[in-house]
Amino acid sequence: MPELVFFSGTMDCGKSTLALQIEHNRSTRGLVGVIFTRDDRAGEGKLSSRLGLVTDAVEVEDGQDLYAYLVDRLSQGGRADYVIADEAQFLAPEQIDQLARVVDDLGLDVYAFGITTDFRSKLFPGSQRLVELADRIEVLQVEALCWCGARATHNARTVGGEMVVEGAQVVVGDVNHAAGEIGYEVLCRRHHRRRMTAATSRAAALSPDVLPVTAD
């Protein structure tokens, strides 16, 4: 039976790498897939991995009907044996509904990849809808690590190494970024709650002052 599968995890845990692997495995068997993406680090219409792998994809636009896109493709003689949706957290809830309809009405497997929560530990609307609708949710087992060595469970947005907790939910950045730029870092819950990034932890270690202890 076709499925809507949601592969979730923090940044830097290999989601896009797995998406590319699924594409490779199926394409080498003669299957044809449609890859949707949005706001990939490599630019518009790309699915890329931090390992350096990249392939072309369909850039999803605001208000685009993904079900209608596939129906139109098939009605014009095109082929689609499966669907991959990377950066699925950036899709609107109604677009997730459309992907579920692709599974139910067109009989295609849909593999969606995305992070669950934003830099404020709040659910992305697209990810929330995937949790509600997916036939199966797979939490990736390649664990990203916090700077302290613990398992990273939270995504943090940084500016100049300092964690920020205000701003638009979607701001494109990466875990590899130049100093002073908006970037992202994965943290364990304890250090996300304390807003302690790798940069601020190094600064604290060099400070002669004793770190304050708070009750939170």
Protein backbone atom coordinates (compact mmCIF):
# COMPACT_ATOMS: atom_id res chain seq x y z
CA MET A 1 0.00 0.00 0.00
CA PRO A 2 1.30 3.51 -0.76
CA GLU A 3 2.25 5.58 2.27
CA LEU A 4 2.84 9.12 3.38
CA VAL A 5 6.05 8.84 5.41
CA PHE A 6 7.46 11.70 7.47
CA PHE A 7 11.21 11.51 8.15
CA SER A 8 11.94 13.99 10.93
CA GLY A 9 14.92 15.13 12.93
CA THR A 10 16.95 18.16 13.88
CA MET A 11 19.14 20.00 11.44
CA ASP A 12 22.39 18.26 10.53
CA CYS A 13 21.03 14.72 11.06
CA GLY A 14 21.08 13.63 7.41
CA LYS A 15 17.50 14.18 6.22
CA SER A 16 18.43 15.54 2.80
CA THR A 17 21.14 12.91 2.43
CA LEU A 18 18.54 10.20 2.98
CA ALA A 19 16.18 11.90 0.52
CA LEU A 20 18.92 11.84 -2.11
CA GLN A 21 19.65 8.18 -1.31
CA ILE A 22 16.00 7.24 -1.78
CA GLU A 23 15.99 9.09 -5.10
CA HIS A 24 19.16 7.31 -6.20
CA ASN A 25 17.93 3.85 -5.21
CA ARG A 26 14.65 4.21 -7.05
CA SER A 27 15.95 5.99 -10.13
CA THR A 28 18.59 3.30 -10.69
CA ARG A 29 15.73 0.76 -10.79
CA GLY A 30 14.05 2.67 -13.58
CA LEU A 31 11.51 4.50 -11.43
CA VAL A 32 10.75 8.17 -11.97
CA GLY A 33 10.19 10.47 -9.04
CA VAL A 34 9.04 14.04 -8.55
CA ILE A 35 11.07 15.99 -6.01
CA PHE A 36 9.53 19.00 -4.30
CA THR A 37 11.58 21.35 -2.17
CA ARG A 38 11.47 24.83 -0.72
CA ASP A 39 14.18 27.23 0.45
CA ASP A 40 17.03 24.76 0.06
CA ARG A 41 20.47 26.01 1.10
CA ALA A 42 21.76 25.44 -2.45
CA GLY A 43 19.21 27.78 -4.00
CA GLU A 44 15.92 27.63 -5.85
CA GLY A 45 14.91 24.31 -7.40
CA LYS A 46 17.62 22.27 -5.69
CA LEU A 47 17.74 19.41 -3.21
CA SER A 48 21.15 19.38 -1.56
CA SER A 49 23.00 17.65 1.23
CA ARG A 50 25.75 19.08 3.43
CA LEU A 51 27.89 16.20 2.10
CA GLY A 52 27.99 18.05 -1.24
CA LEU A 53 25.37 16.04 -3.14
CA VAL A 54 22.75 17.98 -5.10
CA THR A 55 19.99 17.32 -7.62
CA ASP A 56 17.31 19.33 -9.38
CA ALA A 57 13.89 19.69 -7.80
CA VAL A 58 10.61 21.53 -8.20
CA GLU A 59 10.59 24.69 -6.07
CA VAL A 60 7.24 24.90 -4.29
CA GLU A 61 5.57 28.31 -4.38
CA ASP A 62 3.06 29.87 -2.00
CA GLY A 63 -0.42 28.62 -2.81
CA GLN A 64 0.78 26.00 -5.28
CA ASP A 65 -1.45 22.90 -5.47
CA LEU A 66 0.88 19.91 -5.38
CA TYR A 67 -1.87 17.42 -6.16
CA ALA A 68 -2.92 19.43 -9.21
CA TYR A 69 0.71 19.66 -10.33
CA LEU A 70 1.03 15.87 -10.35
CA VAL A 71 -2.37 15.32 -12.00
CA ASP A 72 -1.38 17.76 -14.74
CA ARG A 73 1.96 16.01 -15.21
CA LEU A 74 0.33 12.59 -15.49
CA SER A 75 -2.49 13.79 -17.76
CA GLN A 76 0.09 15.17 -20.20
CA GLY A 77 1.81 11.79 -20.46
CA GLY A 78 4.46 12.42 -17.84
CA ARG A 79 5.47 9.82 -15.32
CA ALA A 80 5.61 9.80 -11.55
CA ASP A 81 6.22 6.65 -9.53
CA TYR A 82 6.87 8.33 -6.18
CA VAL A 83 7.22 11.77 -4.61
CA ILE A 84 9.92 13.25 -2.39
CA ALA A 85 9.21 16.45 -0.46
CA ASP A 86 12.27 17.94 1.23
CA GLU A 87 12.17 20.90 3.63
CA ALA A 88 8.56 19.87 4.21
CA GLN A 89 8.34 22.01 7.33
CA PHE A 90 8.12 25.04 5.02
CA LEU A 91 5.02 23.73 3.22
CA ALA A 92 1.60 25.05 4.13
CA PRO A 93 -0.78 22.68 5.94
CA GLU A 94 -3.05 22.56 2.89
CA GLN A 95 -0.07 21.44 0.78
CA ILE A 96 0.48 18.58 3.21
CA ASP A 97 -3.19 17.69 2.72
CA GLN A 98 -2.52 17.64 -1.01
CA LEU A 99 0.40 15.24 -0.53
CA ALA A 100 -1.86 12.94 1.47
CA ARG A 101 -4.33 13.05 -1.41
CA VAL A 102 -1.52 12.09 -3.80
CA VAL A 103 -1.08 8.91 -1.74
CA ASP A 104 -4.78 8.11 -1.42
CA ASP A 105 -6.05 9.09 -4.88
CA LEU A 106 -3.01 8.60 -7.14
CA GLY A 107 -1.52 5.63 -5.32
CA LEU A 108 1.99 7.10 -5.04
CA ASP A 109 4.38 6.83 -2.11
CA VAL A 110 5.26 10.23 -0.67
CA TYR A 111 8.44 10.64 1.37
CA ALA A 112 8.49 13.92 3.28
CA PHE A 113 11.59 15.19 5.08
CA GLY A 114 11.71 18.04 7.56
CA ILE A 115 12.49 19.38 10.98
CA THR A 116 9.61 19.37 13.44
CA THR A 117 10.14 22.53 15.48
CA ASP A 118 11.55 25.96 14.80
CA PHE A 119 14.21 27.97 16.66
CA ARG A 120 11.65 28.78 19.38
CA SER A 121 10.77 25.09 19.90
CA LYS A 122 7.38 25.69 18.27
CA LEU A 123 5.93 23.31 15.70
CA PHE A 124 6.15 24.33 12.07
CA PRO A 125 2.59 24.26 10.65
CA GLY A 126 3.68 21.93 7.84
CA SER A 127 5.36 19.52 10.25
CA GLN A 128 2.37 19.60 12.59
CA ARG A 129 0.10 18.59 9.72
CA LEU A 130 2.47 15.80 8.75
CA VAL A 131 2.39 14.45 12.31
CA GLU A 132 -1.40 14.50 12.09
CA LEU A 133 -1.67 12.81 8.68
CA ALA A 134 1.38 10.62 8.09
CA ASP A 135 0.95 6.88 7.83
CA ARG A 136 4.37 6.53 9.38
CA ILE A 137 6.81 8.82 11.18
CA GLU A 138 10.49 7.94 11.16
CA VAL A 139 12.84 9.79 13.51
CA LEU A 140 16.28 9.64 11.93
CA GLN A 141 18.78 7.67 13.95
CA VAL A 142 21.86 9.63 12.88
CA GLU A 143 22.04 11.83 15.95
CA ALA A 144 23.23 15.41 15.69
CA LEU A 145 25.23 16.49 18.72
CA CYS A 146 25.13 19.60 20.84
CA TRP A 147 28.46 21.37 21.44
CA CYS A 148 28.54 19.68 24.87
CA GLY A 149 28.42 16.21 23.30
CA ALA A 150 24.85 15.41 24.32
CA ARG A 151 22.20 14.45 21.77
CA ALA A 152 20.90 17.58 20.05
CA THR A 153 17.12 17.86 20.16
CA HIS A 154 16.50 21.56 19.48
CA ASN A 155 17.27 23.97 16.65
CA ALA A 156 18.65 27.38 17.60
CA ARG A 157 18.93 30.51 15.47
CA THR A 158 22.06 32.57 16.07
CA VAL A 159 23.33 36.01 15.14
CA GLY A 160 27.05 36.43 15.66
CA GLY A 161 27.06 33.28 17.78
CA GLU A 162 24.33 34.58 20.11
CA MET A 163 21.07 32.66 20.26
CA VAL A 164 17.96 34.67 19.36
CA VAL A 165 14.37 33.77 20.15
CA GLU A 166 12.46 36.44 18.23
CA GLY A 167 11.87 36.99 14.54
CA ALA A 168 10.14 35.45 11.57
CA GLN A 169 9.63 31.71 11.75
CA VAL A 170 11.32 31.11 8.39
CA VAL A 171 14.71 32.73 7.75
CA VAL A 172 17.00 30.78 5.45
CA GLY A 173 20.39 29.98 6.94
CA ASP A 174 22.64 27.03 7.64
CA VAL A 175 24.70 25.44 10.36
CA ASN A 176 27.77 26.52 8.40
CA HIS A 177 27.80 30.31 8.25
CA ALA A 178 30.18 33.23 8.36
CA ALA A 179 30.73 35.17 11.57
CA GLY A 180 28.09 37.82 12.13
CA GLU A 181 25.56 36.21 9.82
CA ILE A 182 22.25 34.61 10.72
CA GLY A 183 22.91 30.93 11.26
CA TYR A 184 21.59 27.86 12.99
CA GLU A 185 22.96 25.50 15.59
CA VAL A 186 21.62 22.30 17.12
CA LEU A 187 21.55 22.15 20.91
CA CYS A 188 20.42 19.81 23.65
CA ARG A 189 17.33 20.94 25.54
CA ARG A 190 19.32 22.16 28.54
CA HIS A 191 21.54 24.48 26.53
CA HIS A 192 18.69 25.61 24.30
CA ARG A 193 16.75 26.57 27.43
CA ARG A 194 19.80 28.42 28.76
CA ARG A 195 20.45 29.97 25.33
CA MET A 196 24.04 28.76 25.49
CA THR A 197 25.59 28.20 22.08
CA ALA A 198 29.06 26.93 21.25
CA ALA A 199 30.29 30.51 20.91
CA THR A 200 28.81 31.74 24.18
CA SER A 201 30.07 28.67 26.02
CA ARG A 202 33.62 29.40 24.84
CA ALA A 203 33.26 33.02 25.91
CA ALA A 204 32.00 31.93 29.33
CA ALA A 205 34.92 29.53 29.74
CA LEU A 206 37.37 32.37 29.10
CA SER A 207 35.58 34.78 31.44
CA PRO A 208 37.04 35.29 34.93
CA ASP A 209 33.55 35.77 36.30
CA VAL A 210 31.59 32.97 37.86
CA LEU A 211 28.58 31.97 35.80
CA PRO A 212 25.28 32.88 37.46
CA VAL A 213 23.05 30.03 38.53
CA THR A 214 19.36 30.52 37.86
CA ALA A 215 16.35 28.58 39.03
CA ASP A 216 14.92 28.05 35.54
